[in-house]
Amino acid sequence: MYAPNLDATDGLADWKIWLTSLDRIQALSPQAIVCGHGPVVRGENVAQAIERVREALYQRVAETLAITTAEPDDIDS
């Protein structure tokens, strides 16, 4: 499963760009997408793949926000 690496970018500032990019790709109604990792995705699986990436991004952002807004004692537990 794809997990966005927010540490390798400008962090949370990039999540909006990623979401916009996903929206733009989806609006093109592609018949296939070639991901950076994994097989080429075709047909009905395209919309599902885009949604999986979107969900993974939201999850990663939520995890990052939870860590960055947590108290030091919360992080250790």
N, C-alpha and C. Protein backbone atom coordinates (compact mmCIF):
# COMPACT_ATOMS: atom_id res chain seq x y z
N MET A 1 0.84 -1.18 0.00
CA MET A 1 0.00 0.00 0.00
C MET A 1 0.88 1.24 0.00
N TYR A 2 0.54 2.16 -0.83
CA TYR A 2 1.26 3.42 -0.95
C TYR A 2 1.07 4.25 0.33
N ALA A 3 2.16 4.80 0.84
CA ALA A 3 2.10 5.68 2.00
C ALA A 3 2.86 6.96 1.67
N PRO A 4 2.17 8.08 1.52
CA PRO A 4 2.85 9.33 1.21
C PRO A 4 3.94 9.65 2.23
N ASN A 5 5.09 10.00 1.75
CA ASN A 5 6.22 10.33 2.62
C ASN A 5 6.28 11.84 2.78
N LEU A 6 5.61 12.34 3.79
CA LEU A 6 5.56 13.78 4.00
C LEU A 6 6.89 14.32 4.49
N ASP A 7 7.76 13.44 5.00
CA ASP A 7 9.08 13.88 5.47
C ASP A 7 10.01 14.22 4.31
N ALA A 8 9.74 13.67 3.13
CA ALA A 8 10.62 13.86 1.98
C ALA A 8 10.24 15.11 1.17
N THR A 9 9.24 15.81 1.61
CA THR A 9 8.76 16.98 0.87
C THR A 9 8.71 18.17 1.83
N ASP A 10 7.90 19.14 1.46
CA ASP A 10 7.68 20.28 2.35
C ASP A 10 6.63 19.94 3.40
N GLY A 11 6.41 18.65 3.60
CA GLY A 11 5.49 18.20 4.62
C GLY A 11 4.05 18.52 4.30
N LEU A 12 3.34 19.02 5.29
CA LEU A 12 1.92 19.25 5.15
C LEU A 12 1.58 20.30 4.10
N ALA A 13 2.53 21.14 3.77
CA ALA A 13 2.27 22.15 2.74
C ALA A 13 2.01 21.49 1.39
N ASP A 14 2.59 20.32 1.17
CA ASP A 14 2.42 19.64 -0.12
C ASP A 14 1.14 18.84 -0.23
N TRP A 15 0.46 18.55 0.87
CA TRP A 15 -0.70 17.68 0.77
C TRP A 15 -1.80 18.29 -0.08
N LYS A 16 -1.94 19.60 -0.02
CA LYS A 16 -2.96 20.26 -0.85
C LYS A 16 -2.62 20.14 -2.33
N ILE A 17 -1.34 20.23 -2.65
CA ILE A 17 -0.90 20.08 -4.04
C ILE A 17 -1.18 18.66 -4.51
N TRP A 18 -0.90 17.67 -3.66
CA TRP A 18 -1.18 16.28 -4.02
C TRP A 18 -2.66 16.06 -4.26
N LEU A 19 -3.50 16.59 -3.39
CA LEU A 19 -4.94 16.42 -3.56
C LEU A 19 -5.42 17.10 -4.84
N THR A 20 -4.91 18.28 -5.12
CA THR A 20 -5.28 18.97 -6.35
C THR A 20 -4.84 18.16 -7.56
N SER A 21 -3.65 17.59 -7.48
CA SER A 21 -3.15 16.75 -8.58
C SER A 21 -4.05 15.54 -8.80
N LEU A 22 -4.47 14.90 -7.71
CA LEU A 22 -5.36 13.75 -7.83
C LEU A 22 -6.68 14.17 -8.47
N ASP A 23 -7.21 15.32 -8.08
CA ASP A 23 -8.45 15.83 -8.68
C ASP A 23 -8.27 16.07 -10.18
N ARG A 24 -7.14 16.64 -10.55
CA ARG A 24 -6.88 16.94 -11.97
C ARG A 24 -6.74 15.66 -12.78
N ILE A 25 -6.05 14.69 -12.22
CA ILE A 25 -5.91 13.41 -12.91
C ILE A 25 -7.27 12.75 -13.08
N GLN A 26 -8.04 12.73 -12.01
CA GLN A 26 -9.37 12.12 -12.06
C GLN A 26 -10.27 12.81 -13.07
N ALA A 27 -10.17 14.13 -13.17
CA ALA A 27 -11.00 14.90 -14.12
C ALA A 27 -10.68 14.56 -15.57
N LEU A 28 -9.48 14.07 -15.82
CA LEU A 28 -9.10 13.67 -17.18
C LEU A 28 -9.74 12.35 -17.60
N SER A 29 -10.34 11.64 -16.65
CA SER A 29 -10.94 10.32 -16.90
C SER A 29 -9.98 9.39 -17.64
N PRO A 30 -8.80 9.19 -17.08
CA PRO A 30 -7.81 8.37 -17.78
C PRO A 30 -8.25 6.91 -17.89
N GLN A 31 -7.85 6.28 -18.97
CA GLN A 31 -8.12 4.85 -19.16
C GLN A 31 -7.07 4.01 -18.44
N ALA A 32 -5.92 4.62 -18.17
CA ALA A 32 -4.84 3.93 -17.47
C ALA A 32 -3.98 4.97 -16.76
N ILE A 33 -3.33 4.54 -15.68
CA ILE A 33 -2.34 5.38 -15.01
C ILE A 33 -1.11 4.52 -14.74
N VAL A 34 0.04 5.15 -14.86
CA VAL A 34 1.30 4.48 -14.59
C VAL A 34 1.86 5.10 -13.32
N CYS A 35 1.81 4.33 -12.26
CA CYS A 35 2.27 4.82 -10.96
C CYS A 35 3.78 4.69 -10.85
N GLY A 36 4.35 5.39 -9.91
CA GLY A 36 5.78 5.29 -9.68
C GLY A 36 6.18 3.94 -9.11
N HIS A 37 5.24 3.27 -8.48
CA HIS A 37 5.47 1.95 -7.90
C HIS A 37 4.30 1.06 -8.27
N GLY A 38 4.57 -0.18 -8.58
CA GLY A 38 3.50 -1.12 -8.86
C GLY A 38 3.14 -1.18 -10.33
N PRO A 39 2.13 -1.98 -10.62
CA PRO A 39 1.74 -2.20 -12.02
C PRO A 39 0.94 -1.02 -12.60
N VAL A 40 0.82 -1.03 -13.92
CA VAL A 40 -0.05 -0.08 -14.61
C VAL A 40 -1.48 -0.39 -14.18
N VAL A 41 -2.27 0.65 -13.92
CA VAL A 41 -3.65 0.48 -13.49
C VAL A 41 -4.54 0.87 -14.67
N ARG A 42 -5.51 0.00 -14.97
CA ARG A 42 -6.37 0.23 -16.14
C ARG A 42 -7.86 0.12 -15.78
N GLY A 43 -8.68 0.72 -16.66
CA GLY A 43 -10.13 0.55 -16.59
C GLY A 43 -10.75 1.03 -15.30
N GLU A 44 -11.66 0.20 -14.77
CA GLU A 44 -12.39 0.55 -13.54
C GLU A 44 -11.45 0.71 -12.35
N ASN A 45 -10.30 0.10 -12.40
CA ASN A 45 -9.35 0.16 -11.29
C ASN A 45 -8.70 1.54 -11.15
N VAL A 46 -8.78 2.38 -12.19
CA VAL A 46 -8.16 3.71 -12.14
C VAL A 46 -8.78 4.55 -11.04
N ALA A 47 -10.10 4.65 -11.02
CA ALA A 47 -10.78 5.47 -10.00
C ALA A 47 -10.50 4.92 -8.61
N GLN A 48 -10.47 3.61 -8.47
CA GLN A 48 -10.19 2.99 -7.18
C GLN A 48 -8.76 3.31 -6.73
N ALA A 49 -7.82 3.26 -7.66
CA ALA A 49 -6.42 3.54 -7.32
C ALA A 49 -6.26 4.99 -6.87
N ILE A 50 -6.91 5.91 -7.56
CA ILE A 50 -6.84 7.32 -7.19
C ILE A 50 -7.43 7.51 -5.79
N GLU A 51 -8.53 6.86 -5.52
CA GLU A 51 -9.17 6.99 -4.20
C GLU A 51 -8.31 6.37 -3.11
N ARG A 52 -7.64 5.27 -3.39
CA ARG A 52 -6.75 4.66 -2.39
C ARG A 52 -5.60 5.61 -2.05
N VAL A 53 -5.05 6.28 -3.06
CA VAL A 53 -3.97 7.23 -2.80
C VAL A 53 -4.50 8.41 -1.99
N ARG A 54 -5.69 8.89 -2.35
CA ARG A 54 -6.30 10.02 -1.62
C ARG A 54 -6.53 9.64 -0.15
N GLU A 55 -7.06 8.45 0.09
CA GLU A 55 -7.30 7.99 1.46
C GLU A 55 -5.98 7.83 2.22
N ALA A 56 -4.96 7.29 1.55
CA ALA A 56 -3.66 7.13 2.20
C ALA A 56 -3.07 8.49 2.57
N LEU A 57 -3.25 9.46 1.69
CA LEU A 57 -2.74 10.80 1.96
C LEU A 57 -3.46 11.41 3.16
N TYR A 58 -4.79 11.32 3.18
CA TYR A 58 -5.54 11.85 4.32
C TYR A 58 -5.12 11.17 5.62
N GLN A 59 -4.92 9.86 5.58
CA GLN A 59 -4.50 9.12 6.77
C GLN A 59 -3.13 9.60 7.25
N ARG A 60 -2.20 9.75 6.31
CA ARG A 60 -0.84 10.17 6.66
C ARG A 60 -0.85 11.59 7.23
N VAL A 61 -1.64 12.47 6.65
CA VAL A 61 -1.75 13.84 7.15
C VAL A 61 -2.33 13.82 8.57
N ALA A 62 -3.36 13.01 8.79
CA ALA A 62 -3.97 12.93 10.13
C ALA A 62 -2.96 12.42 11.14
N GLU A 63 -2.18 11.41 10.76
CA GLU A 63 -1.16 10.88 11.66
C GLU A 63 -0.10 11.93 11.97
N THR A 64 0.32 12.65 10.95
CA THR A 64 1.33 13.68 11.13
C THR A 64 0.82 14.80 12.03
N LEU A 65 -0.41 15.22 11.81
CA LEU A 65 -0.99 16.27 12.65
C LEU A 65 -1.14 15.80 14.09
N ALA A 66 -1.51 14.54 14.27
CA ALA A 66 -1.65 14.00 15.62
C ALA A 66 -0.31 14.02 16.35
N ILE A 67 0.76 13.71 15.63
CA ILE A 67 2.09 13.70 16.25
C ILE A 67 2.56 15.13 16.54
N THR A 68 2.37 16.02 15.57
CA THR A 68 2.89 17.38 15.74
C THR A 68 2.10 18.20 16.75
N THR A 69 0.87 17.81 17.01
CA THR A 69 0.06 18.56 17.99
C THR A 69 -0.01 17.85 19.33
N ALA A 70 0.60 16.68 19.43
CA ALA A 70 0.56 15.92 20.68
C ALA A 70 1.51 16.52 21.71
N GLU A 71 1.21 16.27 22.93
CA GLU A 71 2.09 16.63 24.02
C GLU A 71 3.24 15.62 24.06
N PRO A 72 4.41 16.00 24.53
CA PRO A 72 5.54 15.06 24.57
C PRO A 72 5.21 13.74 25.27
N ASP A 73 4.43 13.77 26.34
CA ASP A 73 4.08 12.54 27.04
C ASP A 73 3.19 11.64 26.20
N ASP A 74 2.37 12.25 25.29
CA ASP A 74 1.48 11.47 24.44
C ASP A 74 2.26 10.68 23.40
N ILE A 75 3.36 11.21 22.92
CA ILE A 75 4.14 10.58 21.86
C ILE A 75 4.81 9.31 22.36
N ASP A 76 5.28 9.31 23.59
CA ASP A 76 5.98 8.15 24.12
C ASP A 76 5.05 6.98 24.43
N SER A 77 3.79 7.24 24.63
CA SER A 77 2.88 6.15 25.01
C SER A 77 2.25 5.48 23.82
